[in-house]
Amino acid sequence: MSKIIPFKAVRPTADKVALVTCRTYEDYSSAELAAWLNFNPYSFLHVIHPAYANTQKITLDKRFKGVLHKYQDFKNETILISEEQPVFYLYEIQTKNQTFTGIIAGTSVEEYQKNQIKKHEDTLQYRVELFKDYLHQTGFNTEPVLITYPDSVEVNTYISLRKKSEPIYAFATSNKEKHTLWKIETQSEIEWLQEHFENIPNLYIADGHHRSASAELLYEQNKSLNNKNLNHFMSFLIAESNLKIYEFNRIIRDLNGLSKDDFITKLSDNFIIKAKDQELWKPQNKFEFGMYLDGRFYALFYKQNQKVTSVLENLDAQILYDTVLHPLLGIEDLRNDERIDYIPGKQSVSVIKDLVDEGEYEVGFMLYPTNMAEIKTIADNNLIMPPKSTYIEPKFRSGLVVYEL
């Protein structure tokens, strides 16, 4: 049983929505941030990243208060407006290669605690605490948790028909995406969607494990307030087939004291190795890995010397860790070891080649993407994937819909 609720959102006025919404600020380089903040007074970056030039000089407490003050300024200046009643939204993101469509709603913290909203990634406690403090100080969230649900003919049909109606927003962005938002406000539609989701036994977090954990922590610390908004967190619900799952590729700064020849010899214990020379080779199937080392590409085919029944041990990211990164390269902590970095699989393999050729990194590894069935099996068995196993789209734009606490 999955409970979803409508909520009184805050959102930009239609004439400013293209100027207000932005990518998460971590996606911007320093130069991009400075340009947007200097030349676009409506950008939500002004809210989520106030006092940009002085962020290193102010405390987190002052920064969070600055976020709240700027958010109130945007509301007072009618850049942002509040819905008069609780609603759902239907939201579509059109990229060059794919269209993503889902429903924006509130999902239950209690169902998250009962593991009816399932997770497949671990969280870092300091990040959970940090975002909890952010939510507490600012009183709002504009980055929903990306949640997936089993494909439904009924919901797909509803979405197809609903998209024929007049949207409240339809706008393009500078990264050549098209965004469309419809408001679902009639009681009959809201109840129909709620009834349908009540028949879904489990939802699965695709992206946003820290956000959901922070919402739970805030809820636990404020239970006595009986605040319905704290009992839920904003989610973007999207059908399993509509997600795009990329791998995270790995680049490592050194060979842990091994020569190139010694390293390749040790790799041959677990992999059949085929030189690909200058071919920009990527794995085509599970149990295949690409490697770029010393100006050449290699295809690595896992030998699977022994049958493994554990879904976790069968994950390509886990195999690479168990056979290469940990025993050969001496990397234990995938989150915090400064010798390893990660490149989203949506970027070209040539990015890895260039980084290695420039000399800062010694070797790069390309993985085959994890599929939804593996993610669900991991979650169903209360297991945790290795850090940076998946890069999942779509990515939500900050400032499009705000959930107030």
Protein backbone atom coordinates (compact mmCIF):
# COMPACT_ATOMS: atom_id res chain seq x y z
CA MET A 1 0.00 0.00 0.00
CA SER A 2 1.49 3.34 -1.08
CA LYS A 3 -0.04 6.55 0.16
CA ILE A 4 0.52 9.72 -1.83
CA ILE A 5 -0.87 13.13 -0.92
CA PRO A 6 -1.42 16.41 -2.77
CA PHE A 7 0.18 19.49 -1.22
CA LYS A 8 -0.01 23.29 -1.39
CA ALA A 9 3.04 23.95 -3.49
CA VAL A 10 4.89 27.19 -4.12
CA ARG A 11 6.01 27.75 -7.71
CA PRO A 12 7.16 30.50 -10.09
CA THR A 13 4.78 32.70 -12.01
CA ALA A 14 4.30 31.46 -15.57
CA ASP A 15 6.05 34.47 -17.13
CA LYS A 16 9.23 33.90 -15.08
CA VAL A 17 9.42 30.11 -14.77
CA ALA A 18 12.13 29.70 -17.43
CA LEU A 19 14.24 32.32 -15.65
CA VAL A 20 13.64 31.02 -12.12
CA THR A 21 14.27 27.28 -12.43
CA CYS A 22 17.82 25.98 -12.43
CA ARG A 23 19.88 22.83 -12.13
CA THR A 24 21.13 21.95 -8.68
CA TYR A 25 23.92 24.41 -7.92
CA GLU A 26 26.50 21.62 -7.61
CA ASP A 27 26.13 21.08 -11.37
CA TYR A 28 27.48 24.54 -12.17
CA SER A 29 31.11 25.50 -12.47
CA SER A 30 32.24 28.59 -10.55
CA ALA A 31 32.19 30.61 -13.77
CA GLU A 32 28.67 29.46 -14.65
CA LEU A 33 27.40 30.24 -11.16
CA ALA A 34 28.87 33.70 -11.25
CA ALA A 35 27.38 34.39 -14.69
CA TRP A 36 23.86 33.23 -13.75
CA LEU A 37 23.91 35.15 -10.48
CA ASN A 38 25.26 38.30 -12.09
CA PHE A 39 22.92 38.41 -15.07
CA ASN A 40 19.70 36.69 -13.99
CA PRO A 41 18.05 38.28 -10.93
CA TYR A 42 15.21 35.72 -11.07
CA SER A 43 17.35 32.57 -10.88
CA PHE A 44 16.53 30.30 -7.95
CA LEU A 45 20.30 30.04 -7.53
CA HIS A 46 19.99 33.32 -5.62
CA VAL A 47 17.83 31.45 -3.10
CA ILE A 48 19.71 28.17 -2.72
CA HIS A 49 23.15 29.76 -2.92
CA PRO A 50 22.94 33.24 -1.35
CA ALA A 51 26.07 35.32 -0.73
CA TYR A 52 27.84 33.20 -3.37
CA ALA A 53 31.15 35.06 -3.20
CA ASN A 54 31.28 34.85 0.61
CA THR A 55 30.11 31.28 1.29
CA GLN A 56 33.50 30.25 2.65
CA LYS A 57 33.42 33.11 5.17
CA ILE A 58 29.99 32.58 6.76
CA THR A 59 28.70 29.88 9.07
CA LEU A 60 26.19 27.28 7.89
CA ASP A 61 23.63 28.75 10.26
CA LYS A 62 23.96 32.17 8.63
CA ARG A 63 23.91 30.64 5.18
CA PHE A 64 20.70 28.71 5.87
CA LYS A 65 19.09 31.87 7.26
CA GLY A 66 20.19 33.65 4.11
CA VAL A 67 18.42 30.99 2.04
CA LEU A 68 15.21 31.53 4.01
CA HIS A 69 15.40 35.33 3.71
CA LYS A 70 16.00 35.20 -0.03
CA TYR A 71 13.16 32.69 -0.44
CA GLN A 72 10.84 35.08 1.42
CA ASP A 73 12.03 37.91 -0.85
CA PHE A 74 11.08 35.87 -3.93
CA LYS A 75 7.61 35.29 -2.45
CA ASN A 76 7.17 38.94 -1.43
CA GLU A 77 8.17 40.07 -4.92
CA THR A 78 5.63 37.62 -6.42
CA ILE A 79 8.34 35.77 -8.29
CA LEU A 80 6.97 32.74 -6.46
CA ILE A 81 3.28 32.14 -5.79
CA SER A 82 1.41 29.70 -3.55
CA GLU A 83 -1.28 27.26 -4.61
CA GLU A 84 -4.66 27.90 -3.02
CA GLN A 85 -5.35 24.22 -2.43
CA PRO A 86 -3.38 20.94 -2.31
CA VAL A 87 -2.63 19.54 -5.77
CA PHE A 88 -0.64 16.93 -7.64
CA TYR A 89 1.39 17.79 -10.72
CA LEU A 90 2.16 15.94 -13.91
CA TYR A 91 5.66 16.85 -15.08
CA GLU A 92 7.42 16.07 -18.35
CA ILE A 93 11.09 16.56 -19.21
CA GLN A 94 12.08 16.28 -22.87
CA THR A 95 15.78 15.87 -23.55
CA LYS A 96 17.49 15.30 -26.88
CA ASN A 97 17.22 11.52 -26.51
CA GLN A 98 14.37 10.78 -24.13
CA THR A 99 11.11 11.99 -22.61
CA PHE A 100 10.44 11.48 -18.89
CA THR A 101 6.98 11.90 -17.40
CA GLY A 102 5.89 11.49 -13.80
CA ILE A 103 3.72 12.70 -10.94
CA ILE A 104 4.84 15.11 -8.24
CA ALA A 105 3.30 14.22 -4.88
CA GLY A 106 3.97 13.87 -1.18
CA THR A 107 5.04 10.40 0.00
CA SER A 108 4.86 9.01 3.51
CA VAL A 109 7.76 9.11 5.98
CA GLU A 110 6.12 6.30 7.94
CA GLU A 111 6.04 4.07 4.84
CA TYR A 112 9.72 4.88 4.33
CA GLN A 113 10.39 3.79 7.92
CA LYS A 114 8.44 0.56 7.38
CA ASN A 115 10.53 -0.15 4.26
CA GLN A 116 7.49 0.09 1.99
CA ILE A 117 9.48 2.79 0.22
CA LYS A 118 12.61 0.80 -0.44
CA LYS A 119 16.21 1.94 -0.75
CA HIS A 120 19.31 0.48 -2.38
CA GLU A 121 22.02 2.97 -1.36
CA ASP A 122 23.70 3.74 1.96
CA THR A 123 23.77 7.26 3.36
CA LEU A 124 26.43 9.31 5.09
CA GLN A 125 25.20 10.45 8.49
CA TYR A 126 26.87 13.87 8.29
CA ARG A 127 25.10 14.59 4.99
CA VAL A 128 21.76 13.44 6.42
CA GLU A 129 22.25 15.70 9.46
CA LEU A 130 23.36 18.62 7.28
CA PHE A 131 20.33 18.48 5.00
CA LYS A 132 18.02 17.94 7.99
CA ASP A 133 19.40 21.16 9.48
CA TYR A 134 18.90 22.88 6.13
CA LEU A 135 15.25 21.77 6.02
CA HIS A 136 14.72 22.83 9.63
CA GLN A 137 16.22 26.30 9.15
CA THR A 138 14.76 27.11 5.73
CA GLY A 139 11.37 25.40 6.06
CA PHE A 140 11.19 24.23 2.45
CA ASN A 141 12.52 21.71 -0.06
CA THR A 142 12.63 22.04 -3.82
CA GLU A 143 14.46 18.82 -4.75
CA PRO A 144 12.06 15.86 -4.73
CA VAL A 145 13.13 12.29 -4.15
CA LEU A 146 13.01 10.36 -7.44
CA ILE A 147 10.80 7.33 -6.80
CA THR A 148 9.85 4.60 -9.23
CA TYR A 149 6.80 2.35 -9.35
CA PRO A 150 5.83 -0.72 -11.43
CA ASP A 151 4.47 0.16 -14.86
CA SER A 152 0.69 0.47 -14.93
CA VAL A 153 -1.46 0.48 -18.06
CA GLU A 154 -4.08 2.56 -16.23
CA VAL A 155 -1.64 5.24 -15.08
CA ASN A 156 0.13 5.31 -18.45
CA THR A 157 -3.23 5.82 -20.18
CA TYR A 158 -4.20 8.54 -17.72
CA ILE A 159 -0.88 10.34 -18.28
CA SER A 160 -1.22 10.13 -22.08
CA LEU A 161 -4.71 11.63 -21.96
CA ARG A 162 -3.81 14.26 -19.34
CA LYS A 163 -0.93 15.51 -21.46
CA LYS A 164 -3.44 16.60 -24.10
CA SER A 165 -4.83 19.22 -21.72
CA GLU A 166 -3.50 22.76 -21.30
CA PRO A 167 -0.34 22.88 -19.14
CA ILE A 168 0.41 25.64 -16.67
CA TYR A 169 4.03 25.75 -17.91
CA ALA A 170 5.78 24.84 -21.14
CA PHE A 171 9.29 26.23 -21.42
CA ALA A 172 12.78 25.48 -22.74
CA THR A 173 16.09 25.77 -20.90
CA SER A 174 19.61 26.72 -21.92
CA ASN A 175 20.68 23.07 -21.96
CA LYS A 176 18.08 22.44 -24.69
CA GLU A 177 15.53 20.63 -22.56
CA LYS A 178 11.79 21.21 -22.73
CA HIS A 179 9.79 21.19 -19.52
CA THR A 180 6.02 20.95 -19.22
CA LEU A 181 3.92 21.02 -16.04
CA TRP A 182 0.23 20.26 -15.62
CA LYS A 183 -1.73 20.88 -12.42
CA ILE A 184 -3.94 18.04 -11.17
CA GLU A 185 -6.46 19.77 -8.92
CA THR A 186 -9.89 18.15 -9.32
CA GLN A 187 -10.90 15.98 -6.39
CA SER A 188 -11.91 13.10 -8.65
CA GLU A 189 -8.48 12.95 -10.32
CA ILE A 190 -6.66 13.25 -7.00
CA GLU A 191 -8.71 10.44 -5.46
CA TRP A 192 -8.27 8.23 -8.54
CA LEU A 193 -4.49 8.54 -8.36
CA GLN A 194 -4.48 7.93 -4.62
CA GLU A 195 -6.62 4.81 -5.00
CA HIS A 196 -4.35 3.47 -7.73
CA PHE A 197 -1.17 3.96 -5.70
CA GLU A 198 -2.79 2.36 -2.66
CA ASN A 199 -2.80 -0.85 -4.72
CA ILE A 200 0.98 -0.68 -5.20
CA PRO A 201 2.67 -2.59 -2.34
CA ASN A 202 6.11 -0.97 -2.63
CA LEU A 203 7.79 2.06 -4.11
CA TYR A 204 11.53 2.23 -4.81
CA ILE A 205 13.88 5.18 -4.37
CA ALA A 206 15.82 5.73 -7.56
CA ASP A 207 17.67 8.89 -6.50
CA GLY A 208 17.53 10.95 -3.32
CA HIS A 209 18.47 8.59 -0.50
CA HIS A 210 19.98 11.39 1.60
CA ARG A 211 16.94 13.63 1.09
CA SER A 212 14.52 10.94 2.23
CA ALA A 213 16.71 10.04 5.23
CA SER A 214 16.90 13.73 6.20
CA ALA A 215 13.11 14.03 5.97
CA GLU A 216 12.78 11.04 8.29
CA LEU A 217 15.22 12.50 10.81
CA LEU A 218 13.39 15.85 10.82
CA TYR A 219 10.07 14.03 11.27
CA GLU A 220 11.41 12.02 14.21
CA GLN A 221 12.71 15.14 15.94
CA ASN A 222 9.40 17.01 15.51
CA LYS A 223 6.77 14.28 15.94
CA SER A 224 5.05 16.15 18.75
CA LEU A 225 4.18 19.04 16.43
CA ASN A 226 1.71 16.84 14.51
CA ASN A 227 2.64 18.66 11.30
CA LYS A 228 1.24 16.81 8.29
CA ASN A 229 3.84 18.34 5.98
CA LEU A 230 6.65 16.87 8.10
CA ASN A 231 5.00 13.44 7.84
CA HIS A 232 5.65 13.46 4.09
CA PHE A 233 8.38 14.40 1.66
CA MET A 234 8.07 15.62 -1.92
CA SER A 235 8.66 12.95 -4.56
CA PHE A 236 8.72 12.68 -8.32
CA LEU A 237 7.04 9.36 -9.10
CA ILE A 238 7.97 7.80 -12.42
CA ALA A 239 7.29 4.38 -13.97
CA GLU A 240 10.17 1.88 -13.95
CA SER A 241 10.35 1.69 -17.74
CA ASN A 242 10.68 5.47 -17.98
CA LEU A 243 13.86 5.73 -15.92
CA LYS A 244 17.26 5.97 -17.57
CA ILE A 245 19.96 4.18 -15.60
CA TYR A 246 23.60 4.95 -16.38
CA GLU A 247 26.70 3.50 -14.80
CA PHE A 248 29.32 5.45 -12.89
CA ASN A 249 32.75 4.81 -14.40
CA ARG A 250 35.90 4.84 -12.26
CA ILE A 251 39.21 6.67 -12.73
CA ILE A 252 42.14 5.98 -10.41
CA ARG A 253 45.22 8.13 -9.85
CA ASP A 254 47.86 5.38 -9.60
CA LEU A 255 48.46 1.62 -9.84
CA ASN A 256 49.29 1.20 -6.15
CA GLY A 257 53.00 0.71 -6.89
CA LEU A 258 52.47 -1.90 -9.61
CA SER A 259 54.02 -1.63 -13.06
CA LYS A 260 51.65 -1.72 -16.02
CA ASP A 261 52.77 -5.25 -16.96
CA ASP A 262 52.43 -6.55 -13.39
CA PHE A 263 48.97 -5.01 -13.10
CA ILE A 264 47.75 -6.62 -16.34
CA THR A 265 49.23 -9.97 -15.28
CA LYS A 266 47.31 -9.82 -12.00
CA LEU A 267 44.12 -8.82 -13.84
CA SER A 268 44.38 -11.97 -15.95
CA ASP A 269 43.62 -14.07 -12.87
CA ASN A 270 39.99 -12.97 -13.03
CA PHE A 271 39.57 -11.58 -16.54
CA ILE A 272 40.14 -12.52 -20.15
CA ILE A 273 41.90 -9.43 -21.54
CA LYS A 274 41.64 -8.25 -25.13
CA ALA A 275 43.49 -5.19 -26.38
CA LYS A 276 41.27 -2.68 -28.22
CA ASP A 277 44.07 -0.16 -28.84
CA GLN A 278 42.48 3.20 -29.85
CA GLU A 279 38.89 1.94 -30.13
CA LEU A 280 36.68 3.85 -27.66
CA TRP A 281 35.38 0.58 -26.26
CA LYS A 282 32.50 0.29 -23.79
CA PRO A 283 31.10 -2.90 -22.24
CA GLN A 284 28.24 -4.38 -24.24
CA ASN A 285 26.97 -6.82 -21.62
CA LYS A 286 27.00 -7.61 -17.93
CA PHE A 287 30.32 -9.06 -16.62
CA GLU A 288 32.25 -7.01 -19.21
CA PHE A 289 34.51 -4.09 -18.26
CA GLY A 290 36.40 -1.53 -20.27
CA MET A 291 39.83 -0.28 -19.24
CA TYR A 292 42.00 2.57 -20.48
CA LEU A 293 45.66 2.36 -19.49
CA ASP A 294 48.84 3.83 -20.93
CA GLY A 295 47.23 5.09 -24.14
CA ARG A 296 45.31 1.85 -24.94
CA PHE A 297 41.82 0.53 -24.41
CA TYR A 298 41.22 -3.01 -23.18
CA ALA A 299 38.14 -5.23 -22.93
CA LEU A 300 38.00 -7.26 -19.71
CA PHE A 301 35.69 -10.30 -19.63
CA TYR A 302 35.03 -11.63 -16.14
CA LYS A 303 35.84 -15.35 -15.92
CA GLN A 304 33.23 -16.11 -13.23
CA ASN A 305 35.45 -18.85 -11.82
CA GLN A 306 32.89 -19.81 -9.24
CA LYS A 307 29.12 -19.60 -9.24
CA VAL A 308 27.85 -16.78 -7.06
CA THR A 309 24.21 -16.73 -6.00
CA SER A 310 24.28 -13.39 -4.16
CA VAL A 311 22.81 -10.57 -6.26
CA LEU A 312 25.20 -8.15 -4.55
CA GLU A 313 28.32 -10.16 -5.43
CA ASN A 314 27.02 -10.41 -9.01
CA LEU A 315 26.83 -6.63 -9.45
CA ASP A 316 29.48 -5.40 -11.85
CA ALA A 317 30.43 -2.55 -9.51
CA GLN A 318 30.94 -5.04 -6.68
CA ILE A 319 32.93 -7.41 -8.92
CA LEU A 320 35.28 -4.59 -9.93
CA TYR A 321 35.76 -3.66 -6.27
CA ASP A 322 36.29 -7.26 -5.10
CA THR A 323 38.72 -8.25 -7.87
CA VAL A 324 40.54 -5.04 -8.81
CA LEU A 325 39.98 -1.87 -6.81
CA HIS A 326 40.45 -3.37 -3.35
CA PRO A 327 42.95 -6.26 -3.75
CA LEU A 328 45.12 -4.79 -6.52
CA LEU A 329 44.80 -1.02 -6.20
CA GLY A 330 44.38 -0.87 -2.43
CA ILE A 331 41.19 1.18 -2.46
CA GLU A 332 39.03 0.32 0.55
CA ASP A 333 36.71 3.30 0.99
CA LEU A 334 34.95 4.02 -2.30
CA ARG A 335 33.36 7.17 -0.91
CA ASN A 336 36.34 8.89 0.64
CA ASP A 337 39.56 7.60 -0.97
CA GLU A 338 41.08 10.56 -2.81
CA ARG A 339 42.73 8.22 -5.34
CA ILE A 340 39.40 7.40 -7.04
CA ASP A 341 36.91 9.60 -8.89
CA TYR A 342 33.71 8.90 -10.80
CA ILE A 343 32.46 9.85 -14.27
CA PRO A 344 28.72 9.46 -15.08
CA GLY A 345 28.15 6.99 -17.90
CA LYS A 346 26.21 9.54 -19.94
CA GLN A 347 29.54 11.24 -20.63
CA SER A 348 31.65 10.00 -23.51
CA VAL A 349 34.42 7.45 -22.94
CA SER A 350 36.71 10.04 -24.48
CA VAL A 351 36.40 12.05 -21.24
CA ILE A 352 38.09 9.19 -19.38
CA LYS A 353 40.73 8.91 -22.10
CA ASP A 354 41.51 12.63 -21.89
CA LEU A 355 41.77 12.61 -18.09
CA VAL A 356 44.18 9.66 -18.12
CA ASP A 357 46.20 11.09 -21.01
CA GLU A 358 46.60 14.37 -19.13
CA GLY A 359 48.46 12.44 -16.42
CA GLU A 360 46.37 13.15 -13.33
CA TYR A 361 44.94 9.62 -13.46
CA GLU A 362 46.67 6.37 -14.31
CA VAL A 363 43.78 4.10 -15.29
CA GLY A 364 40.08 4.26 -16.07
CA PHE A 365 37.41 1.56 -15.88
CA MET A 366 34.11 1.50 -17.76
CA LEU A 367 31.17 -0.54 -16.44
CA TYR A 368 27.93 -1.87 -17.88
CA PRO A 369 24.84 -0.16 -16.40
CA THR A 370 22.88 -1.82 -13.61
CA ASN A 371 19.27 -2.64 -14.52
CA MET A 372 16.06 -1.99 -12.59
CA ALA A 373 15.59 -5.67 -11.72
CA GLU A 374 18.97 -5.70 -9.93
CA ILE A 375 18.15 -2.50 -8.06
CA LYS A 376 14.80 -3.91 -6.88
CA THR A 377 16.32 -7.23 -5.83
CA ILE A 378 18.98 -5.41 -3.82
CA ALA A 379 16.31 -3.26 -2.16
CA ASP A 380 13.94 -6.19 -1.53
CA ASN A 381 16.73 -8.06 0.27
CA ASN A 382 17.71 -5.02 2.38
CA LEU A 383 21.13 -4.93 0.73
CA ILE A 384 23.20 -1.90 -0.20
CA MET A 385 24.90 -1.28 -3.54
CA PRO A 386 28.52 -0.08 -3.62
CA PRO A 387 28.75 3.74 -3.64
CA LYS A 388 28.37 5.34 -7.07
CA SER A 389 26.79 2.30 -8.70
CA THR A 390 24.10 4.18 -10.60
CA TYR A 391 23.53 7.57 -12.19
CA ILE A 392 19.78 7.81 -12.77
CA GLU A 393 17.79 10.29 -14.81
CA PRO A 394 15.64 12.37 -14.93
CA LYS A 395 17.08 15.19 -12.85
CA PHE A 396 14.61 17.70 -11.40
CA ARG A 397 14.99 21.47 -11.75
CA SER A 398 15.30 23.46 -8.53
CA GLY A 399 12.68 26.14 -8.03
CA LEU A 400 10.03 24.54 -10.22
CA VAL A 401 7.92 23.20 -7.35
CA VAL A 402 8.59 23.99 -3.68
CA TYR A 403 7.36 21.83 -0.79
CA GLU A 404 6.97 23.91 2.36
CA LEU A 405 7.39 22.28 5.76
